Amino acid sequence: MMQWTMLLGLSALLGAATALWHPHRPSFIRRMVPPDAVTVETARRWGGHVLWIDARGEKAYRRGHIDGALRLTESEWEQLLPAVRQAWAGAGLSHLETSPSPEVPEEGMGGLVDRAIVVYREDESSDGLTRIADLLREVFPDSAIFTLAGGWEAWRAGGEGRR
């Protein structure tokens, strides 16, 4: 019995060591990507059909942001929302249908919308990202609103951005 216990303990120890240090170990913590997320590649294909919402603080925004992005945070919602409303309505796009899923826009927006709102923060795990997107869905219920998978970090990794 003692040999079986030692063998079992040694196996568990070796398994744990492999899981921790093996270069091709599986990820035990999955990165949760919001279901409404679109990839950087997809958003870039949309080109000028995106109203970008930067949901980061003012300092981060000043350090760099996607060209044309408007800043909107929950703490400054009342002050910053009018500019977003103006940009959306000024483009004559507030009446557009909602896209049923990110897959439809990946195929040229499926003919359902001419423009989408994409919200980003530092990365998709940033606190408040989906909250800002949900608040925008309340304000613009008939609009296609997505989050950017990977956020600002993913966008910058692609070599684009603005000071």
N, C-alpha and C. Protein backbone atom coordinates (compact mmCIF):
# COMPACT_ATOMS: atom_id res chain seq x y z
N MET A 1 0.83 -1.19 0.00
CA MET A 1 0.00 0.00 0.00
C MET A 1 0.87 1.26 0.00
N MET A 2 1.95 1.22 0.75
CA MET A 2 2.85 2.36 0.85
C MET A 2 3.48 2.67 -0.50
N GLN A 3 3.80 1.63 -1.28
CA GLN A 3 4.39 1.84 -2.59
C GLN A 3 3.40 2.52 -3.54
N TRP A 4 2.14 2.12 -3.48
CA TRP A 4 1.11 2.72 -4.32
C TRP A 4 0.92 4.19 -3.97
N THR A 5 0.95 4.50 -2.72
CA THR A 5 0.78 5.88 -2.27
C THR A 5 1.95 6.74 -2.74
N MET A 6 3.17 6.20 -2.62
CA MET A 6 4.35 6.93 -3.08
C MET A 6 4.33 7.10 -4.60
N LEU A 7 3.94 6.05 -5.32
CA LEU A 7 3.86 6.12 -6.77
C LEU A 7 2.81 7.15 -7.22
N LEU A 8 1.67 7.14 -6.56
CA LEU A 8 0.61 8.09 -6.86
C LEU A 8 1.06 9.52 -6.56
N GLY A 9 1.72 9.74 -5.43
CA GLY A 9 2.22 11.06 -5.06
C GLY A 9 3.28 11.55 -6.03
N LEU A 10 4.20 10.67 -6.43
CA LEU A 10 5.24 11.03 -7.39
C LEU A 10 4.64 11.38 -8.74
N SER A 11 3.65 10.63 -9.16
CA SER A 11 2.96 10.92 -10.43
C SER A 11 2.27 12.27 -10.40
N ALA A 12 1.61 12.56 -9.29
CA ALA A 12 0.93 13.85 -9.15
C ALA A 12 1.94 14.99 -9.16
N LEU A 13 3.06 14.80 -8.48
CA LEU A 13 4.10 15.82 -8.44
C LEU A 13 4.68 16.07 -9.82
N LEU A 14 4.97 15.02 -10.56
CA LEU A 14 5.51 15.16 -11.92
C LEU A 14 4.48 15.80 -12.85
N GLY A 15 3.22 15.43 -12.69
CA GLY A 15 2.17 16.03 -13.51
C GLY A 15 2.03 17.51 -13.25
N ALA A 16 2.08 17.90 -11.99
CA ALA A 16 1.98 19.32 -11.64
C ALA A 16 3.18 20.09 -12.16
N ALA A 17 4.38 19.52 -12.05
CA ALA A 17 5.58 20.19 -12.57
C ALA A 17 5.49 20.37 -14.08
N THR A 18 5.01 19.37 -14.77
CA THR A 18 4.85 19.47 -16.22
C THR A 18 3.84 20.55 -16.58
N ALA A 19 2.74 20.58 -15.86
CA ALA A 19 1.70 21.58 -16.14
C ALA A 19 2.20 23.00 -15.90
N LEU A 20 3.11 23.19 -14.96
CA LEU A 20 3.60 24.52 -14.65
C LEU A 20 4.74 24.98 -15.56
N TRP A 21 5.64 24.06 -15.94
CA TRP A 21 6.84 24.50 -16.63
C TRP A 21 7.01 24.01 -18.06
N HIS A 22 6.16 23.16 -18.55
CA HIS A 22 6.30 22.67 -19.92
C HIS A 22 6.01 23.81 -20.90
N PRO A 23 6.85 23.99 -21.93
CA PRO A 23 6.63 25.11 -22.85
C PRO A 23 5.34 25.02 -23.66
N HIS A 24 4.77 23.85 -23.81
CA HIS A 24 3.53 23.68 -24.59
C HIS A 24 2.37 23.25 -23.69
N ARG A 25 2.41 23.71 -22.44
CA ARG A 25 1.36 23.33 -21.51
C ARG A 25 0.03 23.95 -21.93
N PRO A 26 -1.06 23.29 -21.62
CA PRO A 26 -2.37 23.88 -21.93
C PRO A 26 -2.68 25.02 -20.99
N SER A 27 -3.47 25.96 -21.46
CA SER A 27 -3.89 27.06 -20.61
C SER A 27 -5.04 26.59 -19.74
N PHE A 28 -4.88 26.73 -18.43
CA PHE A 28 -5.93 26.33 -17.51
C PHE A 28 -6.88 27.50 -17.24
N ILE A 29 -6.43 28.69 -17.60
CA ILE A 29 -7.27 29.87 -17.43
C ILE A 29 -7.58 30.40 -18.82
N ARG A 30 -8.80 30.24 -19.24
CA ARG A 30 -9.20 30.74 -20.55
C ARG A 30 -9.45 32.24 -20.48
N ARG A 31 -8.98 32.92 -21.49
CA ARG A 31 -9.31 34.34 -21.58
C ARG A 31 -10.73 34.45 -22.08
N MET A 32 -11.53 35.12 -21.31
CA MET A 32 -12.93 35.28 -21.69
C MET A 32 -13.06 36.45 -22.65
N VAL A 33 -13.52 36.16 -23.85
CA VAL A 33 -13.76 37.19 -24.84
C VAL A 33 -15.25 37.44 -24.87
N PRO A 34 -15.66 38.69 -24.73
CA PRO A 34 -17.10 38.96 -24.76
C PRO A 34 -17.73 38.46 -26.05
N PRO A 35 -18.98 38.00 -26.00
CA PRO A 35 -19.62 37.46 -27.20
C PRO A 35 -19.84 38.50 -28.29
N ASP A 36 -19.80 39.78 -27.93
CA ASP A 36 -19.99 40.83 -28.91
C ASP A 36 -18.67 41.38 -29.45
N ALA A 37 -17.56 40.71 -29.16
CA ALA A 37 -16.25 41.20 -29.56
C ALA A 37 -15.97 40.96 -31.03
N VAL A 38 -15.30 41.92 -31.64
CA VAL A 38 -14.81 41.77 -33.00
C VAL A 38 -13.30 41.87 -32.96
N THR A 39 -12.64 41.22 -33.88
CA THR A 39 -11.19 41.23 -33.92
C THR A 39 -10.69 42.54 -34.53
N VAL A 40 -9.43 42.83 -34.27
CA VAL A 40 -8.80 44.01 -34.86
C VAL A 40 -8.85 43.92 -36.38
N GLU A 41 -8.59 42.74 -36.92
CA GLU A 41 -8.59 42.56 -38.37
C GLU A 41 -9.96 42.88 -38.97
N THR A 42 -11.01 42.41 -38.32
CA THR A 42 -12.37 42.68 -38.80
C THR A 42 -12.67 44.17 -38.74
N ALA A 43 -12.36 44.79 -37.61
CA ALA A 43 -12.63 46.22 -37.45
C ALA A 43 -11.85 47.04 -38.47
N ARG A 44 -10.63 46.64 -38.77
CA ARG A 44 -9.84 47.37 -39.78
C ARG A 44 -10.45 47.23 -41.16
N ARG A 45 -11.03 46.06 -41.45
CA ARG A 45 -11.69 45.89 -42.75
C ARG A 45 -12.90 46.80 -42.89
N TRP A 46 -13.54 47.13 -41.78
CA TRP A 46 -14.69 48.02 -41.82
C TRP A 46 -14.28 49.45 -42.16
N GLY A 47 -13.00 49.76 -41.95
CA GLY A 47 -12.48 51.07 -42.30
C GLY A 47 -13.23 52.21 -41.64
N GLY A 48 -13.72 53.14 -42.44
CA GLY A 48 -14.40 54.32 -41.94
C GLY A 48 -15.83 54.08 -41.51
N HIS A 49 -16.23 52.83 -41.46
CA HIS A 49 -17.60 52.51 -41.06
C HIS A 49 -17.73 52.29 -39.56
N VAL A 50 -16.71 52.69 -38.81
CA VAL A 50 -16.71 52.46 -37.36
C VAL A 50 -16.65 53.79 -36.61
N LEU A 51 -17.51 53.93 -35.63
CA LEU A 51 -17.39 55.02 -34.66
C LEU A 51 -16.68 54.41 -33.46
N TRP A 52 -15.43 54.81 -33.24
CA TRP A 52 -14.61 54.26 -32.16
C TRP A 52 -14.90 54.97 -30.85
N ILE A 53 -15.07 54.18 -29.80
CA ILE A 53 -15.27 54.71 -28.45
C ILE A 53 -14.13 54.20 -27.58
N ASP A 54 -13.31 55.13 -27.10
CA ASP A 54 -12.20 54.81 -26.22
C ASP A 54 -12.72 54.97 -24.79
N ALA A 55 -12.86 53.87 -24.08
CA ALA A 55 -13.44 53.87 -22.73
C ALA A 55 -12.37 53.93 -21.64
N ARG A 56 -11.19 54.42 -22.00
CA ARG A 56 -10.11 54.56 -21.02
C ARG A 56 -10.10 55.97 -20.46
N GLY A 57 -9.30 56.18 -19.45
CA GLY A 57 -9.19 57.49 -18.83
C GLY A 57 -8.50 58.49 -19.74
N GLU A 58 -8.55 59.75 -19.33
CA GLU A 58 -8.00 60.83 -20.14
C GLU A 58 -6.49 60.69 -20.38
N LYS A 59 -5.75 60.30 -19.34
CA LYS A 59 -4.29 60.15 -19.51
C LYS A 59 -3.95 59.08 -20.53
N ALA A 60 -4.63 57.95 -20.45
CA ALA A 60 -4.38 56.87 -21.41
C ALA A 60 -4.76 57.31 -22.82
N TYR A 61 -5.86 58.03 -22.94
CA TYR A 61 -6.31 58.53 -24.23
C TYR A 61 -5.26 59.48 -24.83
N ARG A 62 -4.72 60.36 -23.99
CA ARG A 62 -3.70 61.30 -24.47
C ARG A 62 -2.43 60.59 -24.91
N ARG A 63 -2.10 59.49 -24.23
CA ARG A 63 -0.89 58.74 -24.60
C ARG A 63 -1.05 58.10 -25.97
N GLY A 64 -2.26 57.80 -26.36
CA GLY A 64 -2.49 57.21 -27.68
C GLY A 64 -3.87 56.63 -27.78
N HIS A 65 -4.45 56.72 -28.96
CA HIS A 65 -5.79 56.19 -29.20
C HIS A 65 -5.96 55.92 -30.69
N ILE A 66 -7.00 55.21 -31.04
CA ILE A 66 -7.31 54.93 -32.44
C ILE A 66 -7.76 56.23 -33.09
N ASP A 67 -7.27 56.48 -34.29
CA ASP A 67 -7.63 57.71 -35.01
C ASP A 67 -9.14 57.89 -35.05
N GLY A 68 -9.59 59.06 -34.65
CA GLY A 68 -11.00 59.39 -34.68
C GLY A 68 -11.81 58.91 -33.49
N ALA A 69 -11.17 58.23 -32.56
CA ALA A 69 -11.90 57.70 -31.39
C ALA A 69 -12.37 58.83 -30.49
N LEU A 70 -13.58 58.66 -29.97
CA LEU A 70 -14.12 59.57 -28.98
C LEU A 70 -14.00 58.91 -27.61
N ARG A 71 -13.63 59.68 -26.63
CA ARG A 71 -13.49 59.14 -25.29
C ARG A 71 -14.83 59.14 -24.59
N LEU A 72 -15.14 58.04 -23.90
CA LEU A 72 -16.38 57.93 -23.13
C LEU A 72 -16.15 56.96 -21.98
N THR A 73 -16.27 57.47 -20.76
CA THR A 73 -16.11 56.64 -19.58
C THR A 73 -17.38 56.71 -18.75
N GLU A 74 -17.56 55.71 -17.90
CA GLU A 74 -18.74 55.70 -17.05
C GLU A 74 -18.73 56.87 -16.07
N SER A 75 -17.56 57.20 -15.55
CA SER A 75 -17.48 58.29 -14.57
C SER A 75 -17.70 59.66 -15.20
N GLU A 76 -17.49 59.79 -16.51
CA GLU A 76 -17.69 61.06 -17.20
C GLU A 76 -18.81 60.97 -18.23
N TRP A 77 -19.70 60.01 -18.02
CA TRP A 77 -20.77 59.70 -18.97
C TRP A 77 -21.56 60.94 -19.41
N GLU A 78 -22.05 61.69 -18.44
CA GLU A 78 -22.90 62.84 -18.75
C GLU A 78 -22.17 63.92 -19.54
N GLN A 79 -20.87 64.12 -19.25
CA GLN A 79 -20.11 65.15 -19.94
C GLN A 79 -19.71 64.72 -21.35
N LEU A 80 -19.38 63.44 -21.54
CA LEU A 80 -18.82 62.99 -22.82
C LEU A 80 -19.86 62.43 -23.79
N LEU A 81 -21.00 61.98 -23.28
CA LEU A 81 -22.02 61.37 -24.15
C LEU A 81 -22.54 62.31 -25.24
N PRO A 82 -22.74 63.61 -24.97
CA PRO A 82 -23.24 64.48 -26.04
C PRO A 82 -22.38 64.46 -27.32
N ALA A 83 -21.08 64.41 -27.17
CA ALA A 83 -20.20 64.36 -28.35
C ALA A 83 -20.41 63.05 -29.12
N VAL A 84 -20.64 61.95 -28.40
CA VAL A 84 -20.89 60.67 -29.06
C VAL A 84 -22.23 60.72 -29.78
N ARG A 85 -23.24 61.25 -29.12
CA ARG A 85 -24.57 61.40 -29.76
C ARG A 85 -24.46 62.24 -31.04
N GLN A 86 -23.72 63.33 -30.94
CA GLN A 86 -23.58 64.22 -32.08
C GLN A 86 -22.85 63.52 -33.23
N ALA A 87 -21.80 62.80 -32.91
CA ALA A 87 -21.05 62.09 -33.95
C ALA A 87 -21.92 61.04 -34.63
N TRP A 88 -22.71 60.32 -33.85
CA TRP A 88 -23.57 59.27 -34.40
C TRP A 88 -24.71 59.86 -35.21
N ALA A 89 -25.40 60.84 -34.66
CA ALA A 89 -26.53 61.46 -35.35
C ALA A 89 -26.04 62.32 -36.52
N GLY A 90 -24.92 62.98 -36.34
CA GLY A 90 -24.37 63.83 -37.40
C GLY A 90 -24.01 63.05 -38.64
N ALA A 91 -23.71 61.79 -38.45
CA ALA A 91 -23.38 60.93 -39.59
C ALA A 91 -24.64 60.34 -40.20
N GLY A 92 -25.81 60.65 -39.58
CA GLY A 92 -27.07 60.13 -40.11
C GLY A 92 -27.20 58.64 -39.97
N LEU A 93 -26.62 58.10 -38.90
CA LEU A 93 -26.56 56.65 -38.77
C LEU A 93 -27.35 56.11 -37.60
N SER A 94 -28.04 56.95 -36.86
CA SER A 94 -28.70 56.49 -35.66
C SER A 94 -29.90 55.60 -35.93
N HIS A 95 -30.35 55.50 -37.17
CA HIS A 95 -31.54 54.72 -37.51
C HIS A 95 -31.21 53.30 -37.98
N LEU A 96 -29.94 52.93 -38.01
CA LEU A 96 -29.55 51.65 -38.60
C LEU A 96 -30.00 50.45 -37.79
N GLU A 97 -30.20 49.34 -38.49
CA GLU A 97 -30.60 48.09 -37.83
C GLU A 97 -29.45 47.54 -37.00
N THR A 98 -29.79 46.74 -36.03
CA THR A 98 -28.78 46.08 -35.22
C THR A 98 -28.34 44.81 -35.92
N SER A 99 -27.04 44.60 -35.97
CA SER A 99 -26.51 43.37 -36.54
C SER A 99 -26.71 42.26 -35.53
N PRO A 100 -27.17 41.08 -35.93
CA PRO A 100 -27.45 40.04 -34.97
C PRO A 100 -26.23 39.43 -34.30
N SER A 101 -25.07 39.48 -34.93
CA SER A 101 -23.88 38.90 -34.32
C SER A 101 -22.64 39.45 -34.99
N PRO A 102 -21.48 39.34 -34.32
CA PRO A 102 -20.25 39.81 -34.94
C PRO A 102 -19.92 39.07 -36.23
N GLU A 103 -20.43 37.84 -36.41
CA GLU A 103 -20.11 37.10 -37.63
C GLU A 103 -20.70 37.77 -38.86
N VAL A 104 -21.86 38.35 -38.73
CA VAL A 104 -22.48 39.03 -39.88
C VAL A 104 -21.62 40.18 -40.36
N PRO A 105 -21.19 41.09 -39.46
CA PRO A 105 -20.34 42.17 -39.93
C PRO A 105 -19.03 41.69 -40.53
N GLU A 106 -18.49 40.56 -40.09
CA GLU A 106 -17.24 40.08 -40.66
C GLU A 106 -17.40 39.78 -42.14
N GLU A 107 -18.60 39.59 -42.58
CA GLU A 107 -18.86 39.35 -44.00
C GLU A 107 -19.35 40.63 -44.65
N GLY A 108 -18.64 41.71 -44.43
CA GLY A 108 -19.01 42.98 -45.02
C GLY A 108 -20.21 43.61 -44.35
N MET A 109 -20.43 43.32 -43.11
CA MET A 109 -21.54 43.82 -42.31
C MET A 109 -22.87 43.30 -42.81
N GLY A 110 -22.85 42.30 -43.66
CA GLY A 110 -24.06 41.59 -44.04
C GLY A 110 -25.14 42.45 -44.66
N GLY A 111 -24.81 43.66 -45.06
CA GLY A 111 -25.80 44.53 -45.65
C GLY A 111 -26.80 45.08 -44.64
N LEU A 112 -26.65 44.75 -43.36
CA LEU A 112 -27.61 45.19 -42.36
C LEU A 112 -27.29 46.58 -41.83
N VAL A 113 -26.02 46.92 -41.76
CA VAL A 113 -25.63 48.22 -41.22
C VAL A 113 -24.59 48.85 -42.12
N ASP A 114 -24.55 50.16 -42.08
CA ASP A 114 -23.52 50.89 -42.81
C ASP A 114 -22.37 51.29 -41.89
N ARG A 115 -22.65 51.22 -40.59
CA ARG A 115 -21.64 51.65 -39.63
C ARG A 115 -21.90 50.99 -38.28
N ALA A 116 -20.84 50.81 -37.51
CA ALA A 116 -20.95 50.19 -36.19
C ALA A 116 -20.20 51.04 -35.16
N ILE A 117 -20.58 50.84 -33.90
CA ILE A 117 -19.85 51.45 -32.79
C ILE A 117 -19.00 50.35 -32.18
N VAL A 118 -17.70 50.63 -32.02
CA VAL A 118 -16.79 49.66 -31.40
C VAL A 118 -16.14 50.32 -30.19
N VAL A 119 -16.29 49.68 -29.04
CA VAL A 119 -15.77 50.19 -27.77
C VAL A 119 -14.50 49.42 -27.42
N TYR A 120 -13.49 50.14 -26.93
CA TYR A 120 -12.27 49.45 -26.50
C TYR A 120 -11.72 50.09 -25.24
N ARG A 121 -10.95 49.28 -24.52
CA ARG A 121 -10.15 49.73 -23.36
C ARG A 121 -8.75 49.17 -23.57
N GLU A 122 -7.97 48.99 -22.50
CA GLU A 122 -6.61 48.47 -22.66
C GLU A 122 -6.61 47.08 -23.28
N ASP A 123 -7.45 46.19 -22.75
CA ASP A 123 -7.62 44.85 -23.32
C ASP A 123 -9.04 44.41 -23.01
N GLU A 124 -9.45 43.24 -23.55
CA GLU A 124 -10.85 42.86 -23.37
C GLU A 124 -11.20 42.48 -21.94
N SER A 125 -10.18 42.28 -21.10
CA SER A 125 -10.47 41.94 -19.71
C SER A 125 -10.56 43.19 -18.83
N SER A 126 -10.35 44.36 -19.41
CA SER A 126 -10.41 45.59 -18.63
C SER A 126 -11.78 45.77 -17.99
N ASP A 127 -11.78 46.17 -16.74
CA ASP A 127 -13.04 46.43 -16.04
C ASP A 127 -13.84 47.49 -16.77
N GLY A 128 -15.12 47.27 -16.86
CA GLY A 128 -16.01 48.28 -17.40
C GLY A 128 -16.21 48.25 -18.90
N LEU A 129 -15.47 47.43 -19.63
CA LEU A 129 -15.61 47.41 -21.09
C LEU A 129 -17.03 47.06 -21.51
N THR A 130 -17.53 45.93 -21.02
CA THR A 130 -18.87 45.54 -21.42
C THR A 130 -19.92 46.46 -20.82
N ARG A 131 -19.61 47.09 -19.69
CA ARG A 131 -20.55 48.03 -19.08
C ARG A 131 -20.78 49.23 -20.00
N ILE A 132 -19.71 49.78 -20.55
CA ILE A 132 -19.84 50.91 -21.47
C ILE A 132 -20.62 50.48 -22.71
N ALA A 133 -20.31 49.30 -23.25
CA ALA A 133 -21.04 48.81 -24.43
C ALA A 133 -22.52 48.64 -24.11
N ASP A 134 -22.83 48.10 -22.94
CA ASP A 134 -24.23 47.92 -22.54
C ASP A 134 -24.95 49.26 -22.37
N LEU A 135 -24.27 50.24 -21.79
CA LEU A 135 -24.87 51.56 -21.64
C LEU A 135 -25.14 52.20 -23.00
N LEU A 136 -24.21 52.01 -23.93
CA LEU A 136 -24.42 52.54 -25.28
C LEU A 136 -25.60 51.85 -25.97
N ARG A 137 -25.79 50.56 -25.70
CA ARG A 137 -26.94 49.85 -26.28
C ARG A 137 -28.26 50.41 -25.76
N GLU A 138 -28.24 50.91 -24.54
CA GLU A 138 -29.45 51.54 -23.99
C GLU A 138 -29.72 52.88 -24.68
N VAL A 139 -28.66 53.62 -24.98
CA VAL A 139 -28.80 54.92 -25.62
C VAL A 139 -29.11 54.78 -27.12
N PHE A 140 -28.47 53.80 -27.76
CA PHE A 140 -28.63 53.57 -29.19
C PHE A 140 -29.15 52.14 -29.40
N PRO A 141 -30.40 51.86 -29.04
CA PRO A 141 -30.89 50.47 -29.07
C PRO A 141 -30.95 49.83 -30.45
N ASP A 142 -30.98 50.60 -31.50
CA ASP A 142 -31.07 50.05 -32.85
C ASP A 142 -29.74 50.08 -33.58
N SER A 143 -28.66 50.15 -32.85
CA SER A 143 -27.34 50.27 -33.46
C SER A 143 -26.50 49.04 -33.20
N ALA A 144 -25.58 48.79 -34.11
CA ALA A 144 -24.64 47.66 -33.98
C ALA A 144 -23.48 48.11 -33.10
N ILE A 145 -23.38 47.54 -31.89
CA ILE A 145 -22.36 47.95 -30.92
C ILE A 145 -21.54 46.73 -30.53
N PHE A 146 -20.23 46.86 -30.64
CA PHE A 146 -19.32 45.76 -30.38
C PHE A 146 -18.20 46.21 -29.44
N THR A 147 -17.46 45.25 -28.92
CA THR A 147 -16.24 45.53 -28.18
C THR A 147 -15.08 45.02 -29.02
N LEU A 148 -13.91 45.60 -28.82
CA LEU A 148 -12.73 45.21 -29.58
C LEU A 148 -11.96 44.13 -28.84
N ALA A 149 -11.89 42.95 -29.41
CA ALA A 149 -11.14 41.84 -28.80
C ALA A 149 -9.67 42.25 -28.69
N GLY A 150 -9.13 42.16 -27.50
CA GLY A 150 -7.73 42.53 -27.28
C GLY A 150 -7.53 43.99 -26.97
N GLY A 151 -8.55 44.82 -27.21
CA GLY A 151 -8.51 46.24 -26.88
C GLY A 151 -7.37 47.00 -27.51
N TRP A 152 -6.99 48.08 -26.84
CA TRP A 152 -5.93 48.96 -27.33
C TRP A 152 -4.62 48.21 -27.52
N GLU A 153 -4.33 47.26 -26.63
CA GLU A 153 -3.09 46.48 -26.75
C GLU A 153 -3.04 45.74 -28.07
N ALA A 154 -4.15 45.12 -28.47
CA ALA A 154 -4.19 44.39 -29.74
C ALA A 154 -4.07 45.35 -30.92
N TRP A 155 -4.71 46.49 -30.83
CA TRP A 155 -4.63 47.48 -31.91
C TRP A 155 -3.20 47.96 -32.08
N ARG A 156 -2.54 48.30 -30.95
CA ARG A 156 -1.16 48.76 -31.01
C ARG A 156 -0.22 47.70 -31.53
N ALA A 157 -0.49 46.45 -31.18
CA ALA A 157 0.35 45.35 -31.65
C ALA A 157 0.33 45.27 -33.18
N GLY A 158 -0.75 45.76 -33.77
CA GLY A 158 -0.86 45.79 -35.22
C GLY A 158 -0.18 46.99 -35.84
N GLY A 159 0.40 47.86 -35.02
CA GLY A 159 1.19 48.97 -35.53
C GLY A 159 0.43 50.24 -35.83
N GLU A 160 -0.83 50.31 -35.41
CA GLU A 160 -1.59 51.53 -35.67
C GLU A 160 -1.97 52.20 -34.37
N GLY A 161 -2.32 53.43 -34.47
CA GLY A 161 -2.73 54.19 -33.30
C GLY A 161 -2.39 55.65 -33.54
N ARG A 162 -2.56 56.42 -32.52
CA ARG A 162 -2.30 57.86 -32.65
C ARG A 162 -1.85 58.40 -31.31
N ARG A 163 -1.04 59.35 -31.37
CA ARG A 163 -0.61 60.06 -30.16
C ARG A 163 -1.68 61.05 -29.79
